[in-house]
Amino acid sequence: MNVSASAKRLILIVDDDQLLLDYLGEVLRHAGYDTLQASSSEQALQLIAQREPDLALLDIHMPGMNGLELAKRLHAQTSVPFMFLSGRGDADAGKQAASYGAVGFLVKPVDEKHLMPAFAAGLARADEIRQLRRTELNLNAALAAGRETSLAVGLLMCKFQTDRNTAFEVLRDHARSSRRKVNEVADQLLAAEETLNSLHAAFSNRLKK
């Protein structure tokens, strides 16, 4: 199952077993993926700092910083999705993987026929998560912009004793005439009002002295 050049994805493999590391890298490259290989969590973090992969495969049991600790770092400091790799006898590993937010789980010894479907599923899930994050960011930005506009409209209503529709239309027309977004003008208006209020308070304090 080869991956087309236009769809090439970068996979980071992290395992202290050099033979397994080389084997997984060879299999993935043969399937059309680009790969990065790290024999420790510390080396993995250095590689990620240079170039973030589309997906990371983390061996749970490694000396030093283990795969679970590395997963915590990735979750807190990066947007890199990850899968876990663990021995067959680790009964709790699957539950641990889910609780850490892994997008997949592989069991040693790795069977090549299960490897590609597992990575395909992991990448698909990672893409879904990225899309959800983008949607959330866009939604939060839209909500923030809406709040700014609403506050600015309320300010204009109070200042000029007008209704909501008129205040919004004036704000919108001013934004259009200056070729700016409504929320940008609203934000500027709110900032100016805050500055005026601060100056008013400063003058009041001075007059009291």
Protein backbone atom coordinates (compact mmCIF):
# COMPACT_ATOMS: atom_id res chain seq x y z
CA MET A 1 0.00 0.00 0.00
CA ASN A 2 2.08 2.92 -1.23
CA VAL A 3 1.38 6.49 -0.27
CA SER A 4 1.29 8.95 -3.19
CA ALA A 5 4.03 11.56 -3.24
CA SER A 6 1.49 14.37 -2.82
CA ALA A 7 0.12 12.71 0.30
CA LYS A 8 3.49 11.86 1.89
CA ARG A 9 3.36 12.13 5.65
CA LEU A 10 6.18 12.34 8.16
CA ILE A 11 6.24 9.70 10.90
CA LEU A 12 8.49 9.92 13.97
CA ILE A 13 9.41 6.55 15.50
CA VAL A 14 10.74 6.55 19.07
CA ASP A 15 12.15 3.28 20.44
CA ASP A 16 15.32 2.33 22.30
CA ASP A 17 15.46 -1.01 20.43
CA GLN A 18 17.65 -0.11 17.45
CA LEU A 19 16.73 -3.23 15.46
CA LEU A 20 13.01 -2.55 15.80
CA LEU A 21 13.57 1.14 15.11
CA ASP A 22 15.36 0.37 11.85
CA TYR A 23 12.78 -2.25 10.87
CA LEU A 24 9.81 0.08 11.39
CA GLY A 25 11.58 2.88 9.54
CA GLU A 26 12.31 0.65 6.57
CA VAL A 27 8.75 -0.68 6.38
CA LEU A 28 7.24 2.82 6.55
CA ARG A 29 9.61 4.26 3.96
CA HIS A 30 8.87 1.34 1.65
CA ALA A 31 5.18 2.21 2.00
CA GLY A 32 5.90 5.79 0.92
CA TYR A 33 6.11 7.60 4.24
CA ASP A 34 8.91 9.92 5.30
CA THR A 35 10.39 8.99 8.66
CA LEU A 36 12.38 10.35 11.57
CA GLN A 37 13.96 7.94 14.06
CA ALA A 38 14.87 8.56 17.69
CA SER A 39 16.31 6.09 20.18
CA SER A 40 15.27 8.16 23.21
CA SER A 41 12.59 10.64 24.26
CA GLU A 42 15.20 13.36 24.58
CA GLN A 43 16.34 12.84 21.00
CA ALA A 44 12.71 12.81 19.87
CA LEU A 45 12.10 16.23 21.41
CA GLN A 46 15.17 17.61 19.63
CA LEU A 47 13.92 16.30 16.29
CA ILE A 48 10.42 17.67 16.88
CA ALA A 49 11.86 21.11 17.67
CA GLN A 50 13.37 21.13 14.18
CA ARG A 51 10.39 19.68 12.32
CA GLU A 52 7.03 18.51 13.65
CA PRO A 53 5.92 15.13 12.30
CA ASP A 54 2.36 14.29 11.27
CA LEU A 55 2.36 11.41 13.75
CA ALA A 56 4.70 9.94 16.37
CA LEU A 57 4.97 6.29 17.42
CA LEU A 58 6.20 6.08 21.02
CA ASP A 59 7.48 2.99 22.76
CA ILE A 60 5.98 3.06 26.25
CA HIS A 61 8.89 1.38 28.02
CA MET A 62 12.17 3.23 27.47
CA PRO A 63 15.00 4.12 29.86
CA GLY A 64 15.08 7.69 31.08
CA MET A 65 11.97 9.55 29.97
CA ASN A 66 9.53 6.81 28.98
CA GLY A 67 6.88 6.99 26.28
CA LEU A 68 4.11 8.06 28.66
CA GLU A 69 6.18 10.97 29.96
CA LEU A 70 7.07 11.94 26.41
CA ALA A 71 3.37 11.84 25.48
CA LYS A 72 2.62 14.29 28.29
CA ARG A 73 5.27 16.66 26.93
CA LEU A 74 3.94 16.38 23.39
CA HIS A 75 0.38 17.01 24.55
CA ALA A 76 1.37 20.05 26.63
CA GLN A 77 3.97 21.64 24.36
CA THR A 78 3.18 20.61 20.77
CA SER A 79 0.32 19.64 18.46
CA VAL A 80 1.96 16.32 17.49
CA PRO A 81 -0.50 13.38 17.64
CA PHE A 82 0.94 10.10 18.86
CA MET A 83 0.45 6.34 18.98
CA PHE A 84 1.87 3.97 21.57
CA LEU A 85 3.91 0.81 21.11
CA SER A 86 4.02 -1.75 23.91
CA GLY A 87 4.73 -5.39 24.72
CA ARG A 88 2.00 -7.99 24.43
CA GLY A 89 2.06 -8.69 28.17
CA ASP A 90 1.19 -5.10 29.14
CA ALA A 91 -2.51 -5.53 29.93
CA ASP A 92 -3.10 -1.93 31.03
CA ALA A 93 -1.27 -0.31 28.12
CA GLY A 94 -4.39 0.07 25.98
CA LYS A 95 -6.25 1.88 28.74
CA GLN A 96 -3.22 4.04 29.41
CA ALA A 97 -2.96 4.91 25.72
CA ALA A 98 -6.58 6.07 25.62
CA SER A 99 -6.24 8.10 28.82
CA TYR A 100 -3.19 9.92 27.41
CA GLY A 101 -5.02 10.86 24.20
CA ALA A 102 -3.23 8.48 21.83
CA VAL A 103 -4.72 8.06 18.36
CA GLY A 104 -3.65 4.43 18.13
CA PHE A 105 -1.90 1.52 19.79
CA LEU A 106 0.44 -1.19 18.50
CA VAL A 107 1.56 -4.37 20.26
CA LYS A 108 4.98 -6.02 19.98
CA PRO A 109 6.00 -8.08 18.10
CA VAL A 110 4.81 -5.81 15.31
CA ASP A 111 3.05 -7.61 12.46
CA GLU A 112 3.70 -5.82 9.15
CA LYS A 113 0.22 -6.59 7.82
CA HIS A 114 -1.29 -4.75 10.80
CA LEU A 115 1.21 -1.90 10.71
CA MET A 116 -0.03 0.04 7.68
CA PRO A 117 -3.74 -0.07 8.60
CA ALA A 118 -2.84 1.07 12.12
CA PHE A 119 -0.87 4.06 10.82
CA ALA A 120 -3.56 4.93 8.27
CA ALA A 121 -6.20 4.91 11.01
CA GLY A 122 -3.94 6.90 13.35
CA LEU A 123 -3.28 9.57 10.72
CA ALA A 124 -6.98 9.80 9.89
CA ARG A 125 -7.81 10.31 13.56
CA ALA A 126 -5.00 12.86 13.88
CA ASP A 127 -6.41 14.81 10.92
CA GLU A 128 -9.86 14.80 12.55
CA ILE A 129 -8.38 16.20 15.76
CA ARG A 130 -6.51 18.93 13.86
CA GLN A 131 -9.70 19.93 12.06
CA LEU A 132 -11.60 20.07 15.35
CA ARG A 133 -8.88 22.28 16.82
CA ARG A 134 -9.01 24.61 13.81
CA THR A 135 -12.80 24.77 14.06
CA GLU A 136 -12.57 25.53 17.78
CA LEU A 137 -10.03 28.29 17.19
CA ASN A 138 -12.20 29.80 14.44
CA LEU A 139 -15.27 29.57 16.65
CA ASN A 140 -13.50 31.20 19.59
CA ALA A 141 -12.25 33.98 17.32
CA ALA A 142 -15.74 34.51 15.91
CA LEU A 143 -17.25 34.62 19.40
CA ALA A 144 -14.62 37.11 20.57
CA ALA A 145 -15.21 39.29 17.50
CA GLY A 146 -18.96 39.11 18.12
CA ARG A 147 -18.54 40.21 21.73
CA GLU A 148 -16.36 43.16 20.72
CA THR A 149 -18.86 44.28 18.10
CA SER A 150 -21.77 43.92 20.51
CA LEU A 151 -20.00 45.99 23.18
CA ALA A 152 -19.08 48.67 20.64
CA VAL A 153 -22.66 48.86 19.39
CA GLY A 154 -23.87 49.26 22.98
CA LEU A 155 -21.35 52.04 23.53
CA LEU A 156 -22.53 53.91 20.41
CA MET A 157 -26.16 53.51 21.52
CA CYS A 158 -25.35 55.18 24.85
CA LYS A 159 -23.15 57.90 23.36
CA PHE A 160 -25.55 58.94 20.62
CA GLN A 161 -28.89 57.89 22.14
CA THR A 162 -29.79 55.73 19.16
CA ASP A 163 -31.20 52.25 18.55
CA ARG A 164 -29.16 49.08 18.07
CA ASN A 165 -29.71 48.75 14.30
CA THR A 166 -28.63 52.31 13.60
CA ALA A 167 -25.57 51.97 15.80
CA PHE A 168 -24.52 48.76 14.06
CA GLU A 169 -25.09 50.22 10.57
CA VAL A 170 -22.96 53.27 11.38
CA LEU A 171 -20.21 51.04 12.76
CA ARG A 172 -20.37 48.75 9.72
CA ASP A 173 -20.38 51.65 7.23
CA HIS A 174 -17.37 53.22 8.93
CA ALA A 175 -15.53 49.90 8.75
CA ARG A 176 -16.33 49.55 5.05
CA SER A 177 -15.23 53.08 4.24
CA SER A 178 -11.88 52.45 5.92
CA ARG A 179 -11.63 48.96 4.38
CA ARG A 180 -11.41 47.26 7.73
CA LYS A 181 -13.33 44.53 9.50
CA VAL A 182 -16.17 45.52 11.80
CA ASN A 183 -14.59 43.82 14.81
CA GLU A 184 -11.30 45.69 14.21
CA VAL A 185 -13.10 49.04 14.34
CA ALA A 186 -15.09 47.83 17.34
CA ASP A 187 -11.90 46.85 19.15
CA GLN A 188 -10.34 50.24 18.41
CA LEU A 189 -13.47 52.01 19.66
CA LEU A 190 -13.47 50.05 22.91
CA ALA A 191 -9.75 50.72 23.42
CA ALA A 192 -10.31 54.45 22.86
CA GLU A 193 -13.19 54.47 25.35
CA GLU A 194 -11.03 52.71 27.92
CA THR A 195 -8.28 55.30 27.41
CA LEU A 196 -10.76 58.16 27.81
CA ASN A 197 -12.12 56.63 31.00
CA SER A 198 -8.59 56.33 32.39
CA LEU A 199 -7.86 59.96 31.52
CA HIS A 200 -11.15 61.05 33.07
CA ALA A 201 -10.23 59.29 36.29
CA ALA A 202 -6.77 60.89 36.23
CA PHE A 203 -8.24 64.40 35.77
CA SER A 204 -10.76 63.78 38.55
CA ASN A 205 -8.02 62.74 40.96
CA ARG A 206 -5.93 65.78 40.08
CA LEU A 207 -8.86 68.17 40.62
CA LYS A 208 -9.50 66.68 44.06
CA LYS A 209 -5.98 67.59 45.23
